[in-house]
Amino acid sequence: MYTSNIIERERKMAIIDFISAKKGGLEMRAGTEVLWSDTVDGIALAILDFGIGTSVMGSSTMDFASEEGFATDMGAMKLWKDALERAGV
C-alpha cells in the first residue's frame, strides 16, 4: 500500500517539461517517462494524460526539425502548437 502511494505521488509529479524533435515526431519527457508521437492527437493525449509544466524547455532539435525528419525546420514547433490547441491548453 505504501509503495503504491509513493508511485502514485511520483506519477502525479511527472509532467511534460522537455520536448525534442525526433524521427519526424516529438519526444516528450515527463519525470522518468519518455513519450513519443508523430501525430497531433497522440501528443494532445500525452498533454492531457501528464499535463505540462509552467515552462516547457525544448531541445535545439525543435529549431532544426528538418534534420529530424520534418519537412521544414518549423514542423516540430507547428506540431507542438497544434497539439496544445487540440488539448485546449
PDB file of N, CA and C in Angstrom:
ATOM      1  N   MET A   1       0.825  -1.189   0.000  1.00  0.00           N
ATOM      2  CA  MET A   1       0.000   0.000   0.000  1.00  0.00           C
ATOM      3  C   MET A   1       0.878   1.266   0.000  1.00  0.00           C
ATOM      4  N   TYR A   2       1.877   1.289   0.897  1.00  0.00           N
ATOM      5  CA  TYR A   2       2.746   2.451   0.992  1.00  0.00           C
ATOM      6  C   TYR A   2       3.487   2.685  -0.319  1.00  0.00           C
ATOM      7  N   THR A   3       3.998   1.614  -0.922  1.00  0.00           N
ATOM      8  CA  THR A   3       4.739   1.731  -2.177  1.00  0.00           C
ATOM      9  C   THR A   3       3.848   2.274  -3.281  1.00  0.00           C
ATOM     10  N   SER A   4       2.615   1.802  -3.363  1.00  0.00           N
ATOM     11  CA  SER A   4       1.720   2.287  -4.413  1.00  0.00           C
ATOM     12  C   SER A   4       1.389   3.754  -4.218  1.00  0.00           C
ATOM     13  N   ASN A   5       1.325   4.223  -2.966  1.00  0.00           N
ATOM     14  CA  ASN A   5       1.091   5.648  -2.718  1.00  0.00           C
ATOM     15  C   ASN A   5       2.260   6.485  -3.215  1.00  0.00           C
ATOM     16  N   ILE A   6       3.474   5.988  -3.005  1.00  0.00           N
ATOM     17  CA  ILE A   6       4.664   6.705  -3.482  1.00  0.00           C
ATOM     18  C   ILE A   6       4.664   6.747  -5.005  1.00  0.00           C
ATOM     19  N   ILE A   7       4.383   5.626  -5.630  1.00  0.00           N
ATOM     20  CA  ILE A   7       4.348   5.573  -7.094  1.00  0.00           C
ATOM     21  C   ILE A   7       3.291   6.525  -7.634  1.00  0.00           C
ATOM     22  N   GLU A   8       2.113   6.537  -7.037  1.00  0.00           N
ATOM     23  CA  GLU A   8       1.043   7.432  -7.493  1.00  0.00           C
ATOM     24  C   GLU A   8       1.445   8.892  -7.326  1.00  0.00           C
ATOM     25  N   ARG A   9       2.074   9.225  -6.205  1.00  0.00           N
ATOM     26  CA  ARG A   9       2.507  10.600  -5.979  1.00  0.00           C
ATOM     27  C   ARG A   9       3.569  11.010  -7.005  1.00  0.00           C
ATOM     28  N   GLU A  10       4.525  10.114  -7.287  1.00  0.00           N
ATOM     29  CA  GLU A  10       5.544  10.411  -8.286  1.00  0.00           C
ATOM     30  C   GLU A  10       4.926  10.570  -9.662  1.00  0.00           C
ATOM     31  N   ARG A  11       3.939   9.748  -9.974  1.00  0.00           N
ATOM     32  CA  ARG A  11       3.252   9.824 -11.271  1.00  0.00           C
ATOM     33  C   ARG A  11       2.574  11.173 -11.431  1.00  0.00           C
ATOM     34  N   LYS A  12       1.961  11.679 -10.371  1.00  0.00           N
ATOM     35  CA  LYS A  12       1.285  12.981 -10.437  1.00  0.00           C
ATOM     36  C   LYS A  12       2.289  14.115 -10.612  1.00  0.00           C
ATOM     37  N   MET A  13       3.510  13.910 -10.128  1.00  0.00           N
ATOM     38  CA  MET A  13       4.532  14.942 -10.253  1.00  0.00           C
ATOM     39  C   MET A  13       5.205  14.894 -11.619  1.00  0.00           C
ATOM     40  N   ALA A  14       4.981  13.842 -12.379  1.00  0.00           N
ATOM     41  CA  ALA A  14       5.615  13.691 -13.686  1.00  0.00           C
ATOM     42  C   ALA A  14       4.805  14.454 -14.725  1.00  0.00           C
ATOM     43  N   ILE A  15       5.234  15.653 -15.027  1.00  0.00           N
ATOM     44  CA  ILE A  15       4.573  16.465 -16.039  1.00  0.00           C
ATOM     45  C   ILE A  15       5.556  16.695 -17.183  1.00  0.00           C
ATOM     46  N   ILE A  16       5.028  16.930 -18.349  1.00  0.00           N
ATOM     47  CA  ILE A  16       5.881  17.182 -19.514  1.00  0.00           C
ATOM     48  C   ILE A  16       6.579  18.519 -19.306  1.00  0.00           C
ATOM     49  N   ASP A  17       7.909  18.471 -19.296  1.00  0.00           N
ATOM     50  CA  ASP A  17       8.669  19.704 -19.111  1.00  0.00           C
ATOM     51  C   ASP A  17       9.834  19.839 -20.087  1.00  0.00           C
ATOM     52  N   PHE A  18       9.946  18.867 -21.016  1.00  0.00           N
ATOM     53  CA  PHE A  18      11.015  18.941 -22.021  1.00  0.00           C
ATOM     54  C   PHE A  18      10.552  18.235 -23.285  1.00  0.00           C
ATOM     55  N   ILE A  19      10.771  18.884 -24.433  1.00  0.00           N
ATOM     56  CA  ILE A  19      10.395  18.295 -25.719  1.00  0.00           C
ATOM     57  C   ILE A  19      11.564  18.383 -26.689  1.00  0.00           C
ATOM     58  N   SER A  20      11.587  17.442 -27.615  1.00  0.00           N
ATOM     59  CA  SER A  20      12.584  17.481 -28.679  1.00  0.00           C
ATOM     60  C   SER A  20      12.004  16.826 -29.922  1.00  0.00           C
ATOM     61  N   ALA A  21      12.491  17.266 -31.070  1.00  0.00           N
ATOM     62  CA  ALA A  21      12.090  16.664 -32.340  1.00  0.00           C
ATOM     63  C   ALA A  21      12.897  15.386 -32.518  1.00  0.00           C
ATOM     64  N   LYS A  22      12.214  14.315 -32.915  1.00  0.00           N
ATOM     65  CA  LYS A  22      12.911  13.047 -33.089  1.00  0.00           C
ATOM     66  C   LYS A  22      12.145  12.167 -34.064  1.00  0.00           C
ATOM     67  N   LYS A  23      12.816  11.735 -35.112  1.00  0.00           N
ATOM     68  CA  LYS A  23      12.252  10.803 -36.096  1.00  0.00           C
ATOM     69  C   LYS A  23      10.894  11.251 -36.638  1.00  0.00           C
ATOM     70  N   GLY A  24      10.772  12.526 -36.952  1.00  0.00           N
ATOM     71  CA  GLY A  24       9.542  13.054 -37.532  1.00  0.00           C
ATOM     72  C   GLY A  24       8.410  13.234 -36.553  1.00  0.00           C
ATOM     73  N   GLY A  25       8.702  13.137 -35.266  1.00  0.00           N
ATOM     74  CA  GLY A  25       7.691  13.313 -34.222  1.00  0.00           C
ATOM     75  C   GLY A  25       8.287  14.080 -33.056  1.00  0.00           C
ATOM     76  N   LEU A  26       7.583  14.079 -31.944  1.00  0.00           N
ATOM     77  CA  LEU A  26       8.077  14.761 -30.757  1.00  0.00           C
ATOM     78  C   LEU A  26       8.332  13.764 -29.639  1.00  0.00           C
ATOM     79  N   GLU A  27       9.484  13.898 -29.022  1.00  0.00           N
ATOM     80  CA  GLU A  27       9.787  13.147 -27.817  1.00  0.00           C
ATOM     81  C   GLU A  27       9.533  14.084 -26.648  1.00  0.00           C
ATOM     82  N   MET A  28       8.735  13.629 -25.704  1.00  0.00           N
ATOM     83  CA  MET A  28       8.361  14.441 -24.543  1.00  0.00           C
ATOM     84  C   MET A  28       8.836  13.737 -23.285  1.00  0.00           C
ATOM     85  N   ARG A  29       9.418  14.494 -22.383  1.00  0.00           N
ATOM     86  CA  ARG A  29       9.898  13.925 -21.119  1.00  0.00           C
ATOM     87  C   ARG A  29       9.012  14.416 -19.984  1.00  0.00           C
ATOM     88  N   ALA A  30       8.564  13.452 -19.184  1.00  0.00           N
ATOM     89  CA  ALA A  30       7.745  13.735 -18.012  1.00  0.00           C
ATOM     90  C   ALA A  30       8.313  12.923 -16.857  1.00  0.00           C
ATOM     91  N   GLY A  31       9.120  13.566 -16.039  1.00  0.00           N
ATOM     92  CA  GLY A  31       9.818  12.823 -14.987  1.00  0.00           C
ATOM     93  C   GLY A  31      10.737  11.804 -15.627  1.00  0.00           C
ATOM     94  N   THR A  32      10.583  10.543 -15.277  1.00  0.00           N
ATOM     95  CA  THR A  32      11.408   9.490 -15.864  1.00  0.00           C
ATOM     96  C   THR A  32      10.752   8.870 -17.097  1.00  0.00           C
ATOM     97  N   GLU A  33       9.536   9.289 -17.402  1.00  0.00           N
ATOM     98  CA  GLU A  33       8.812   8.774 -18.573  1.00  0.00           C
ATOM     99  C   GLU A  33       9.310   9.454 -19.839  1.00  0.00           C
ATOM    100  N   VAL A  34       9.453   8.687 -20.904  1.00  0.00           N
ATOM    101  CA  VAL A  34       9.797   9.221 -22.225  1.00  0.00           C
ATOM    102  C   VAL A  34       8.650   8.850 -23.152  1.00  0.00           C
ATOM    103  N   LEU A  35       8.006   9.864 -23.707  1.00  0.00           N
ATOM    104  CA  LEU A  35       6.839   9.684 -24.573  1.00  0.00           C
ATOM    105  C   LEU A  35       7.214  10.110 -25.980  1.00  0.00           C
ATOM    106  N   TRP A  36       6.586   9.512 -26.975  1.00  0.00           N
ATOM    107  CA  TRP A  36       6.856   9.907 -28.358  1.00  0.00           C
ATOM    108  C   TRP A  36       5.583   9.745 -29.174  1.00  0.00           C
ATOM    109  N   SER A  37       5.354  10.706 -30.056  1.00  0.00           N
ATOM    110  CA  SER A  37       4.257  10.603 -31.014  1.00  0.00           C
ATOM    111  C   SER A  37       4.574  11.478 -32.211  1.00  0.00           C
ATOM    112  N   ASP A  38       4.022  11.099 -33.347  1.00  0.00           N
ATOM    113  CA  ASP A  38       4.179  11.929 -34.545  1.00  0.00           C
ATOM    114  C   ASP A  38       2.839  12.458 -35.033  1.00  0.00           C
ATOM    115  N   THR A  39       1.814  12.396 -34.173  1.00  0.00           N
ATOM    116  CA  THR A  39       0.502  12.922 -34.550  1.00  0.00           C
ATOM    117  C   THR A  39       0.033  13.975 -33.549  1.00  0.00           C
ATOM    118  N   VAL A  40      -0.782  14.888 -34.029  1.00  0.00           N
ATOM    119  CA  VAL A  40      -1.366  15.907 -33.151  1.00  0.00           C
ATOM    120  C   VAL A  40      -2.183  15.236 -32.051  1.00  0.00           C
ATOM    121  N   ASP A  41      -2.995  14.245 -32.412  1.00  0.00           N
ATOM    122  CA  ASP A  41      -3.828  13.566 -31.423  1.00  0.00           C
ATOM    123  C   ASP A  41      -2.996  12.848 -30.365  1.00  0.00           C
ATOM    124  N   GLY A  42      -1.931  12.181 -30.776  1.00  0.00           N
ATOM    125  CA  GLY A  42      -1.075  11.465 -29.829  1.00  0.00           C
ATOM    126  C   GLY A  42      -0.399  12.394 -28.847  1.00  0.00           C
ATOM    127  N   ILE A  43       0.082  13.521 -29.336  1.00  0.00           N
ATOM    128  CA  ILE A  43       0.749  14.492 -28.467  1.00  0.00           C
ATOM    129  C   ILE A  43      -0.272  15.159 -27.550  1.00  0.00           C
ATOM    130  N   ALA A  44      -1.444  15.481 -28.096  1.00  0.00           N
ATOM    131  CA  ALA A  44      -2.507  16.077 -27.273  1.00  0.00           C
ATOM    132  C   ALA A  44      -2.916  15.118 -26.157  1.00  0.00           C
ATOM    133  N   LEU A  45      -3.007  13.837 -26.454  1.00  0.00           N
ATOM    134  CA  LEU A  45      -3.349  12.848 -25.437  1.00  0.00           C
ATOM    135  C   LEU A  45      -2.279  12.796 -24.341  1.00  0.00           C
ATOM    136  N   ALA A  46      -1.011  12.857 -24.732  1.00  0.00           N
ATOM    137  CA  ALA A  46       0.081  12.884 -23.742  1.00  0.00           C
ATOM    138  C   ALA A  46      -0.036  14.124 -22.862  1.00  0.00           C
ATOM    139  N   ILE A  47      -0.357  15.259 -23.464  1.00  0.00           N
ATOM    140  CA  ILE A  47      -0.528  16.502 -22.705  1.00  0.00           C
ATOM    141  C   ILE A  47      -1.671  16.353 -21.711  1.00  0.00           C
ATOM    142  N   LEU A  48      -2.772  15.776 -22.152  1.00  0.00           N
ATOM    143  CA  LEU A  48      -3.920  15.591 -21.266  1.00  0.00           C
ATOM    144  C   LEU A  48      -3.625  14.575 -20.167  1.00  0.00           C
ATOM    145  N   ASP A  49      -2.895  13.523 -20.485  1.00  0.00           N
ATOM    146  CA  ASP A  49      -2.576  12.483 -19.504  1.00  0.00           C
ATOM    147  C   ASP A  49      -1.562  12.943 -18.463  1.00  0.00           C
ATOM    148  N   PHE A  50      -0.525  13.673 -18.894  1.00  0.00           N
ATOM    149  CA  PHE A  50       0.554  14.037 -17.995  1.00  0.00           C
ATOM    150  C   PHE A  50       0.509  15.495 -17.547  1.00  0.00           C
ATOM    151  N   GLY A  51      -0.098  16.364 -18.349  1.00  0.00           N
ATOM    152  CA  GLY A  51      -0.053  17.789 -18.068  1.00  0.00           C
ATOM    153  C   GLY A  51       1.276  18.360 -18.530  1.00  0.00           C
ATOM    154  N   ILE A  52       1.377  19.666 -18.494  1.00  0.00           N
ATOM    155  CA  ILE A  52       2.632  20.321 -18.875  1.00  0.00           C
ATOM    156  C   ILE A  52       3.039  21.292 -17.772  1.00  0.00           C
ATOM    157  N   GLY A  53       4.332  21.504 -17.682  1.00  0.00           N
ATOM    158  CA  GLY A  53       4.857  22.421 -16.684  1.00  0.00           C
ATOM    159  C   GLY A  53       4.521  23.856 -17.039  1.00  0.00           C
ATOM    160  N   THR A  54       4.746  24.759 -16.088  1.00  0.00           N
ATOM    161  CA  THR A  54       4.517  26.175 -16.360  1.00  0.00           C
ATOM    162  C   THR A  54       5.479  26.681 -17.426  1.00  0.00           C
ATOM    163  N   SER A  55       6.615  25.999 -17.551  1.00  0.00           N
ATOM    164  CA  SER A  55       7.514  26.249 -18.675  1.00  0.00           C
ATOM    165  C   SER A  55       7.970  24.900 -19.210  1.00  0.00           C
ATOM    166  N   VAL A  56       8.028  24.806 -20.511  1.00  0.00           N
ATOM    167  CA  VAL A  56       8.479  23.580 -21.173  1.00  0.00           C
ATOM    168  C   VAL A  56       9.718  23.946 -21.976  1.00  0.00           C
ATOM    169  N   MET A  57      10.812  23.294 -21.669  1.00  0.00           N
ATOM    170  CA  MET A  57      12.064  23.552 -22.374  1.00  0.00           C
ATOM    171  C   MET A  57      12.098  22.706 -23.643  1.00  0.00           C
ATOM    172  N   GLY A  58      12.776  23.209 -24.653  1.00  0.00           N
ATOM    173  CA  GLY A  58      12.884  22.498 -25.912  1.00  0.00           C
ATOM    174  C   GLY A  58      14.333  22.303 -26.326  1.00  0.00           C
ATOM    175  N   SER A  59      14.601  21.158 -26.887  1.00  0.00           N
ATOM    176  CA  SER A  59      15.919  20.858 -27.425  1.00  0.00           C
ATOM    177  C   SER A  59      16.161  21.723 -28.661  1.00  0.00           C
ATOM    178  N   SER A  60      17.412  21.876 -29.040  1.00  0.00           N
ATOM    179  CA  SER A  60      17.742  22.620 -30.261  1.00  0.00           C
ATOM    180  C   SER A  60      17.173  21.919 -31.494  1.00  0.00           C
ATOM    181  N   THR A  61      16.832  20.632 -31.352  1.00  0.00           N
ATOM    182  CA  THR A  61      16.221  19.921 -32.483  1.00  0.00           C
ATOM    183  C   THR A  61      14.875  20.514 -32.853  1.00  0.00           C
ATOM    184  N   MET A  62      14.251  21.229 -31.935  1.00  0.00           N
ATOM    185  CA  MET A  62      12.976  21.890 -32.244  1.00  0.00           C
ATOM    186  C   MET A  62      13.196  23.009 -33.271  1.00  0.00           C
ATOM    187  N   ASP A  63      14.381  23.602 -33.273  1.00  0.00           N
ATOM    188  CA  ASP A  63      14.717  24.669 -34.225  1.00  0.00           C
ATOM    189  C   ASP A  63      15.275  24.128 -35.536  1.00  0.00           C
ATOM    190  N   PHE A  64      15.774  22.907 -35.512  1.00  0.00           N
ATOM    191  CA  PHE A  64      16.366  22.286 -36.695  1.00  0.00           C
ATOM    192  C   PHE A  64      15.641  20.980 -37.013  1.00  0.00           C
ATOM    193  N   ALA A  65      14.307  21.059 -37.011  1.00  0.00           N
ATOM    194  CA  ALA A  65      13.466  19.866 -37.139  1.00  0.00           C
ATOM    195  C   ALA A  65      13.655  19.133 -38.461  1.00  0.00           C
ATOM    196  N   SER A  66      14.071  19.845 -39.503  1.00  0.00           N
ATOM    197  CA  SER A  66      14.275  19.170 -40.796  1.00  0.00           C
ATOM    198  C   SER A  66      15.386  18.121 -40.701  1.00  0.00           C
ATOM    199  N   GLU A  67      16.285  18.280 -39.739  1.00  0.00           N
ATOM    200  CA  GLU A  67      17.343  17.293 -39.530  1.00  0.00           C
ATOM    201  C   GLU A  67      16.830  16.062 -38.780  1.00  0.00           C
ATOM    202  N   GLU A  68      15.590  16.146 -38.273  1.00  0.00           N
ATOM    203  CA  GLU A  68      14.991  15.049 -37.509  1.00  0.00           C
ATOM    204  C   GLU A  68      13.757  14.477 -38.208  1.00  0.00           C
ATOM    205  N   GLY A  69      13.677  14.658 -39.524  1.00  0.00           N
ATOM    206  CA  GLY A  69      12.608  14.018 -40.282  1.00  0.00           C
ATOM    207  C   GLY A  69      11.402  14.864 -40.615  1.00  0.00           C
ATOM    208  N   PHE A  70      11.388  16.124 -40.217  1.00  0.00           N
ATOM    209  CA  PHE A  70      10.282  17.017 -40.563  1.00  0.00           C
ATOM    210  C   PHE A  70      10.551  17.668 -41.918  1.00  0.00           C
ATOM    211  N   ALA A  71       9.503  18.057 -42.608  1.00  0.00           N
ATOM    212  CA  ALA A  71       9.640  18.685 -43.923  1.00  0.00           C
ATOM    213  C   ALA A  71      10.332  20.052 -43.829  1.00  0.00           C
ATOM    214  N   THR A  72      10.078  20.769 -42.727  1.00  0.00           N
ATOM    215  CA  THR A  72      10.678  22.093 -42.532  1.00  0.00           C
ATOM    216  C   THR A  72      11.214  22.201 -41.107  1.00  0.00           C
ATOM    217  N   ASP A  73      12.026  23.210 -40.867  1.00  0.00           N
ATOM    218  CA  ASP A  73      12.532  23.452 -39.518  1.00  0.00           C
ATOM    219  C   ASP A  73      11.422  23.864 -38.555  1.00  0.00           C
ATOM    220  N   MET A  74      10.344  24.424 -39.065  1.00  0.00           N
ATOM    221  CA  MET A  74       9.224  24.842 -38.226  1.00  0.00           C
ATOM    222  C   MET A  74       8.236  23.705 -37.946  1.00  0.00           C
ATOM    223  N   GLY A  75       8.441  22.565 -38.568  1.00  0.00           N
ATOM    224  CA  GLY A  75       7.478  21.465 -38.465  1.00  0.00           C
ATOM    225  C   GLY A  75       7.246  20.961 -37.052  1.00  0.00           C
ATOM    226  N   ALA A  76       8.293  20.822 -36.278  1.00  0.00           N
ATOM    227  CA  ALA A  76       8.153  20.315 -34.906  1.00  0.00           C
ATOM    228  C   ALA A  76       7.393  21.305 -34.029  1.00  0.00           C
ATOM    229  N   MET A  77       7.711  22.574 -34.169  1.00  0.00           N
ATOM    230  CA  MET A  77       7.024  23.583 -33.365  1.00  0.00           C
ATOM    231  C   MET A  77       5.548  23.686 -33.764  1.00  0.00           C
ATOM    232  N   LYS A  78       5.266  23.558 -35.061  1.00  0.00           N
ATOM    233  CA  LYS A  78       3.873  23.577 -35.501  1.00  0.00           C
ATOM    234  C   LYS A  78       3.122  22.380 -34.933  1.00  0.00           C
ATOM    235  N   LEU A  79       3.742  21.208 -34.933  1.00  0.00           N
ATOM    236  CA  LEU A  79       3.118  20.012 -34.366  1.00  0.00           C
ATOM    237  C   LEU A  79       2.813  20.230 -32.884  1.00  0.00           C
ATOM    238  N   TRP A  80       3.751  20.788 -32.134  1.00  0.00           N
ATOM    239  CA  TRP A  80       3.563  21.056 -30.710  1.00  0.00           C
ATOM    240  C   TRP A  80       2.432  22.055 -30.484  1.00  0.00           C
ATOM    241  N   LYS A  81       2.433  23.151 -31.241  1.00  0.00           N
ATOM    242  CA  LYS A  81       1.398  24.173 -31.071  1.00  0.00           C
ATOM    243  C   LYS A  81       0.017  23.639 -31.437  1.00  0.00           C
ATOM    244  N   ASP A  82      -0.064  22.851 -32.491  1.00  0.00           N
ATOM    245  CA  ASP A  82      -1.346  22.249 -32.880  1.00  0.00           C
ATOM    246  C   ASP A  82      -1.855  21.294 -31.800  1.00  0.00           C
ATOM    247  N   ALA A  83      -0.939  20.535 -31.190  1.00  0.00           N
ATOM    248  CA  ALA A  83      -1.321  19.611 -30.112  1.00  0.00           C
ATOM    249  C   ALA A  83      -1.776  20.372 -28.870  1.00  0.00           C
ATOM    250  N   LEU A  84      -1.114  21.467 -28.553  1.00  0.00           N
ATOM    251  CA  LEU A  84      -1.544  22.290 -27.419  1.00  0.00           C
ATOM    252  C   LEU A  84      -2.961  22.808 -27.647  1.00  0.00           C
ATOM    253  N   GLU A  85      -3.207  23.268 -28.860  1.00  0.00           N
ATOM    254  CA  GLU A  85      -4.542  23.773 -29.191  1.00  0.00           C
ATOM    255  C   GLU A  85      -5.583  22.644 -29.104  1.00  0.00           C
ATOM    256  N   ARG A  86      -5.262  21.476 -29.632  1.00  0.00           N
ATOM    257  CA  ARG A  86      -6.177  20.340 -29.586  1.00  0.00           C
ATOM    258  C   ARG A  86      -6.480  19.928 -28.145  1.00  0.00           C
ATOM    259  N   ALA A  87      -5.443  20.022 -27.280  1.00  0.00           N
ATOM    260  CA  ALA A  87      -5.618  19.655 -25.875  1.00  0.00           C
ATOM    261  C   ALA A  87      -6.319  20.738 -25.068  1.00  0.00           C
ATOM    262  N   GLY A  88      -6.492  21.894 -25.695  1.00  0.00           N
ATOM    263  CA  GLY A  88      -7.178  23.001 -25.007  1.00  0.00           C
ATOM    264  C   GLY A  88      -6.302  23.744 -24.022  1.00  0.00           C
ATOM    265  N   VAL A  89      -5.010  23.705 -24.277  1.00  0.00           N
ATOM    266  CA  VAL A  89      -4.071  24.396 -23.375  1.00  0.00           C
ATOM    267  C   VAL A  89      -3.764  25.766 -23.921  1.00  0.00           C
TER     268      VAL A  89
END
